[in-house]
Amino acid sequence: QVQLVESGGGLVQPGGSLRLSCAASGRFFSLNTMGWYRQAPGKQRELVAAITKGGITNYADSVKGRFTISRDNAKRMIYLEMNSLKPEDSAVYYCNADFTASGSLSRSDSWGQGTQVTVSA
């Protein structure tokens, strides 16, 4: 199984920046695509950005040019650099990992507990 722990959320003014981190731990054969999702009150959880093991990235249109996802495979971590933040970016941000289990080599995914990002003056 994979355990994911996010950090770096908080309160920031519009136009400001935050950097989220997600650390993966546990026993697994490999970490595959990892990503950040967010969920605002009353809304569905949505993909913000994802990154493959090889570093190929994908972004939601709403964050392109403002957010950057990165990955350190050796440290088992991903990051989300968020710039030019807007009030509509306020949400709980969740880390997700698609992984291959050790032993069975079956594919599964895991979620972190989430970290709150609030963009407000």
Protein backbone atom coordinates (compact mmCIF):
# COMPACT_ATOMS: atom_id res chain seq x y z
CA GLN A 1 0.00 0.00 0.00
CA VAL A 2 0.93 3.64 -0.47
CA GLN A 3 0.47 6.33 2.13
CA LEU A 4 0.40 9.93 0.93
CA VAL A 5 0.87 12.98 3.13
CA GLU A 6 0.30 16.49 1.79
CA SER A 7 1.68 19.70 3.23
CA GLY A 8 2.01 23.35 2.31
CA GLY A 9 -1.56 24.57 2.23
CA GLY A 10 -2.71 27.75 3.89
CA LEU A 11 -4.20 31.19 3.49
CA VAL A 12 -2.83 33.45 0.78
CA GLN A 13 -3.93 36.71 -0.81
CA PRO A 14 -5.04 36.85 -4.44
CA GLY A 15 -2.00 36.99 -6.70
CA GLY A 16 0.11 35.17 -4.15
CA SER A 17 1.91 31.85 -4.32
CA LEU A 18 1.96 28.56 -2.45
CA ARG A 19 3.90 25.34 -2.85
CA LEU A 20 2.27 22.03 -2.00
CA SER A 21 4.25 18.88 -1.29
CA CYS A 22 3.18 15.25 -1.21
CA ALA A 23 5.32 12.50 0.29
CA ALA A 24 4.69 8.85 -0.55
CA SER A 25 5.64 5.99 1.71
CA GLY A 26 4.90 2.31 2.15
CA ARG A 27 5.64 -0.90 0.30
CA PHE A 28 4.99 -0.98 -3.41
CA PHE A 29 6.62 -2.10 -6.64
CA SER A 30 6.40 1.27 -8.36
CA LEU A 31 4.74 4.66 -8.28
CA ASN A 32 3.22 5.46 -11.62
CA THR A 33 1.28 8.62 -12.49
CA MET A 34 0.82 10.97 -9.55
CA GLY A 35 -1.30 14.04 -9.40
CA TRP A 36 -3.09 16.78 -7.56
CA TYR A 37 -6.86 17.07 -7.37
CA ARG A 38 -8.98 19.67 -5.64
CA GLN A 39 -12.48 19.87 -4.28
CA ALA A 40 -14.28 23.06 -3.39
CA PRO A 41 -17.44 23.07 -1.22
CA GLY A 42 -20.43 21.87 -3.21
CA LYS A 43 -18.33 20.89 -6.20
CA GLN A 44 -16.94 17.64 -7.54
CA ARG A 45 -13.33 16.72 -7.11
CA GLU A 46 -11.37 17.74 -10.20
CA LEU A 47 -7.95 17.05 -11.61
CA VAL A 48 -5.54 19.98 -11.26
CA ALA A 49 -2.32 18.48 -12.60
CA ALA A 50 -0.72 15.11 -13.12
CA ILE A 51 2.78 13.85 -13.85
CA THR A 52 3.95 10.48 -15.11
CA LYS A 53 6.94 8.61 -13.78
CA GLY A 54 8.86 9.88 -16.79
CA GLY A 55 7.89 13.50 -16.16
CA ILE A 56 5.12 14.05 -18.71
CA THR A 57 2.67 16.58 -17.30
CA ASN A 58 -0.98 17.38 -17.78
CA TYR A 59 -2.87 20.41 -16.45
CA ALA A 60 -6.42 21.56 -16.11
CA ASP A 61 -7.09 24.48 -18.44
CA SER A 62 -7.94 26.69 -15.47
CA VAL A 63 -4.40 26.42 -14.04
CA LYS A 64 -2.24 26.29 -17.15
CA GLY A 65 0.49 28.90 -17.03
CA ARG A 66 0.03 29.45 -13.30
CA PHE A 67 0.66 26.06 -11.68
CA THR A 68 3.63 23.75 -12.14
CA ILE A 69 3.75 20.12 -11.07
CA SER A 70 7.08 18.42 -10.48
CA ARG A 71 8.34 15.14 -9.17
CA ASP A 72 11.37 13.72 -7.38
CA ASN A 73 11.31 9.96 -7.89
CA ALA A 74 14.26 9.35 -5.57
CA LYS A 75 12.48 11.12 -2.72
CA ARG A 76 9.08 9.72 -3.65
CA MET A 77 7.62 13.20 -3.70
CA ILE A 78 5.59 15.46 -5.93
CA TYR A 79 5.11 19.19 -5.70
CA LEU A 80 2.65 21.76 -6.94
CA GLU A 81 3.94 25.29 -7.36
CA MET A 82 0.93 27.60 -7.49
CA ASN A 83 1.37 31.19 -8.65
CA SER A 84 -1.03 34.03 -9.40
CA LEU A 85 -3.58 32.42 -7.13
CA LYS A 86 -7.22 33.38 -7.48
CA PRO A 87 -10.11 33.06 -5.03
CA GLU A 88 -11.56 30.34 -7.25
CA ASP A 89 -8.47 28.23 -6.55
CA SER A 90 -9.65 27.86 -2.96
CA ALA A 91 -10.29 24.20 -2.22
CA VAL A 92 -8.99 21.16 -0.44
CA TYR A 93 -6.11 19.82 -2.50
CA TYR A 94 -5.55 16.08 -2.58
CA CYS A 95 -2.53 14.09 -3.68
CA ASN A 96 -3.18 10.94 -5.69
CA ALA A 97 -0.89 8.12 -6.72
CA ASP A 98 -1.41 5.30 -9.16
CA PHE A 99 0.86 2.49 -8.03
CA THR A 100 1.81 -1.09 -8.71
CA ALA A 101 1.62 -3.27 -5.63
CA SER A 102 4.59 -5.38 -4.66
CA GLY A 103 4.04 -9.11 -4.91
CA SER A 104 0.79 -9.20 -6.87
CA LEU A 105 1.88 -6.40 -9.26
CA SER A 106 -1.74 -5.27 -9.36
CA ARG A 107 -2.54 -1.62 -10.06
CA SER A 108 -4.34 0.52 -7.55
CA ASP A 109 -4.46 4.10 -6.39
CA SER A 110 -4.17 5.95 -3.13
CA TRP A 111 -5.27 9.36 -1.81
CA GLY A 112 -3.85 11.70 0.76
CA GLN A 113 -5.92 13.34 3.47
CA GLY A 114 -5.94 16.71 1.73
CA THR A 115 -4.64 20.16 2.53
CA GLN A 116 -6.71 23.34 2.55
CA VAL A 117 -5.82 26.20 0.25
CA THR A 118 -7.69 29.45 0.79
CA VAL A 119 -7.18 32.45 -1.46
CA SER A 120 -8.73 35.54 0.08
CA ALA A 121 -7.99 39.16 0.75
